[in-house]
Amino acid sequence: MGRRKTVEFSKPAYMGKRDDSDLLRKKIIDMPYTEWKKMGFSKGTLHHMKQNTRSDNPFTLNAYEREKLENWNNML
């Protein structure tokens, strides 16, 4: 049979959607707790989101968090 003698590795072409744009980072950092509470979120959620945005690592948001942030931006 025609077996290969070498192993070929290829890089995956998958490109996931990232949520960590500079504008989104700024929105989260500037979000006051009182506004966040009015949207129905806990202080802990905001705290962890702010910690993630202040780090230089990429981060993602849950769908409901992203939706609430978009709605908050439209209310302003």
C-alpha atoms as a PDB file:
ATOM      1  CA  MET A   1       0.000   0.000   0.000  1.00  0.00           C
ATOM      2  CA  GLY A   2       1.070   3.618  -0.471  1.00  0.00           C
ATOM      3  CA  ARG A   3       2.080   4.639   3.040  1.00  0.00           C
ATOM      4  CA  ARG A   4       3.808   7.923   3.665  1.00  0.00           C
ATOM      5  CA  LYS A   5       7.217   7.871   5.252  1.00  0.00           C
ATOM      6  CA  THR A   6       6.980  11.465   6.520  1.00  0.00           C
ATOM      7  CA  VAL A   7       4.404  13.150   8.659  1.00  0.00           C
ATOM      8  CA  GLU A   8       2.893  16.366   7.349  1.00  0.00           C
ATOM      9  CA  PHE A   9       1.414  18.860   9.783  1.00  0.00           C
ATOM     10  CA  SER A  10      -0.722  21.733   8.653  1.00  0.00           C
ATOM     11  CA  LYS A  11      -1.883  24.750  10.563  1.00  0.00           C
ATOM     12  CA  PRO A  12      -5.647  24.939  11.062  1.00  0.00           C
ATOM     13  CA  ALA A  13      -7.426  27.672   9.152  1.00  0.00           C
ATOM     14  CA  TYR A  14      -9.927  28.294  11.955  1.00  0.00           C
ATOM     15  CA  MET A  15     -10.195  31.905  12.991  1.00  0.00           C
ATOM     16  CA  GLY A  16     -12.471  32.388  15.981  1.00  0.00           C
ATOM     17  CA  LYS A  17     -14.336  35.604  16.620  1.00  0.00           C
ATOM     18  CA  ARG A  18     -12.677  37.609  19.364  1.00  0.00           C
ATOM     19  CA  ASP A  19     -14.487  39.912  21.742  1.00  0.00           C
ATOM     20  CA  ASP A  20     -11.495  41.804  23.041  1.00  0.00           C
ATOM     21  CA  SER A  21     -11.389  44.916  20.864  1.00  0.00           C
ATOM     22  CA  ASP A  22      -9.843  48.064  22.319  1.00  0.00           C
ATOM     23  CA  LEU A  23     -13.220  49.817  22.279  1.00  0.00           C
ATOM     24  CA  LEU A  24     -14.863  46.996  24.206  1.00  0.00           C
ATOM     25  CA  ARG A  25     -12.026  46.964  26.747  1.00  0.00           C
ATOM     26  CA  LYS A  26     -12.485  50.697  27.305  1.00  0.00           C
ATOM     27  CA  LYS A  27     -16.269  50.306  27.712  1.00  0.00           C
ATOM     28  CA  ILE A  28     -15.844  47.626  30.365  1.00  0.00           C
ATOM     29  CA  ILE A  29     -13.178  49.517  32.295  1.00  0.00           C
ATOM     30  CA  ASP A  30     -15.233  52.740  32.248  1.00  0.00           C
ATOM     31  CA  MET A  31     -18.486  50.985  33.246  1.00  0.00           C
ATOM     32  CA  PRO A  32     -19.680  52.265  36.646  1.00  0.00           C
ATOM     33  CA  TYR A  33     -20.986  49.695  39.098  1.00  0.00           C
ATOM     34  CA  THR A  34     -24.328  51.486  39.473  1.00  0.00           C
ATOM     35  CA  GLU A  35     -25.051  51.180  35.745  1.00  0.00           C
ATOM     36  CA  TRP A  36     -23.974  47.544  35.802  1.00  0.00           C
ATOM     37  CA  LYS A  37     -26.316  46.842  38.717  1.00  0.00           C
ATOM     38  CA  LYS A  38     -29.232  48.505  36.882  1.00  0.00           C
ATOM     39  CA  MET A  39     -28.701  46.055  34.020  1.00  0.00           C
ATOM     40  CA  GLY A  40     -29.129  43.182  36.478  1.00  0.00           C
ATOM     41  CA  PHE A  41     -25.561  41.931  36.854  1.00  0.00           C
ATOM     42  CA  SER A  42     -23.629  41.233  40.018  1.00  0.00           C
ATOM     43  CA  LYS A  43     -20.592  43.113  41.236  1.00  0.00           C
ATOM     44  CA  GLY A  44     -18.521  39.941  40.930  1.00  0.00           C
ATOM     45  CA  THR A  45     -19.234  39.625  37.206  1.00  0.00           C
ATOM     46  CA  LEU A  46     -18.127  43.201  36.595  1.00  0.00           C
ATOM     47  CA  HIS A  47     -15.044  42.675  38.758  1.00  0.00           C
ATOM     48  CA  HIS A  48     -13.926  39.610  36.782  1.00  0.00           C
ATOM     49  CA  MET A  49     -14.634  41.299  33.449  1.00  0.00           C
ATOM     50  CA  LYS A  50     -12.536  44.298  34.496  1.00  0.00           C
ATOM     51  CA  GLN A  51      -9.693  42.008  35.598  1.00  0.00           C
ATOM     52  CA  ASN A  52      -9.779  40.261  32.217  1.00  0.00           C
ATOM     53  CA  THR A  53      -9.771  43.546  30.300  1.00  0.00           C
ATOM     54  CA  ARG A  54      -6.859  44.998  32.255  1.00  0.00           C
ATOM     55  CA  SER A  55      -4.670  42.005  31.429  1.00  0.00           C
ATOM     56  CA  ASP A  56      -3.012  41.884  28.033  1.00  0.00           C
ATOM     57  CA  ASN A  57      -4.443  38.451  27.304  1.00  0.00           C
ATOM     58  CA  PRO A  58      -7.343  37.955  24.884  1.00  0.00           C
ATOM     59  CA  PHE A  59     -10.710  37.291  26.479  1.00  0.00           C
ATOM     60  CA  THR A  60     -14.233  36.356  25.457  1.00  0.00           C
ATOM     61  CA  LEU A  61     -17.620  37.296  26.810  1.00  0.00           C
ATOM     62  CA  ASN A  62     -20.698  35.190  27.289  1.00  0.00           C
ATOM     63  CA  ALA A  63     -23.500  35.944  24.843  1.00  0.00           C
ATOM     64  CA  TYR A  64     -25.698  37.551  27.504  1.00  0.00           C
ATOM     65  CA  GLU A  65     -22.833  39.752  28.741  1.00  0.00           C
ATOM     66  CA  ARG A  66     -22.047  40.920  25.196  1.00  0.00           C
ATOM     67  CA  GLU A  67     -25.742  41.619  24.549  1.00  0.00           C
ATOM     68  CA  LYS A  68     -26.092  43.676  27.734  1.00  0.00           C
ATOM     69  CA  LEU A  69     -22.987  45.714  26.868  1.00  0.00           C
ATOM     70  CA  GLU A  70     -24.338  46.430  23.383  1.00  0.00           C
ATOM     71  CA  ASN A  71     -27.701  47.491  24.841  1.00  0.00           C
ATOM     72  CA  TRP A  72     -25.971  49.733  27.385  1.00  0.00           C
ATOM     73  CA  ASN A  73     -24.014  51.396  24.607  1.00  0.00           C
ATOM     74  CA  ASN A  74     -27.246  52.047  22.668  1.00  0.00           C
ATOM     75  CA  MET A  75     -28.881  53.621  25.749  1.00  0.00           C
ATOM     76  CA  LEU A  76     -26.159  56.274  26.017  1.00  0.00           C
END
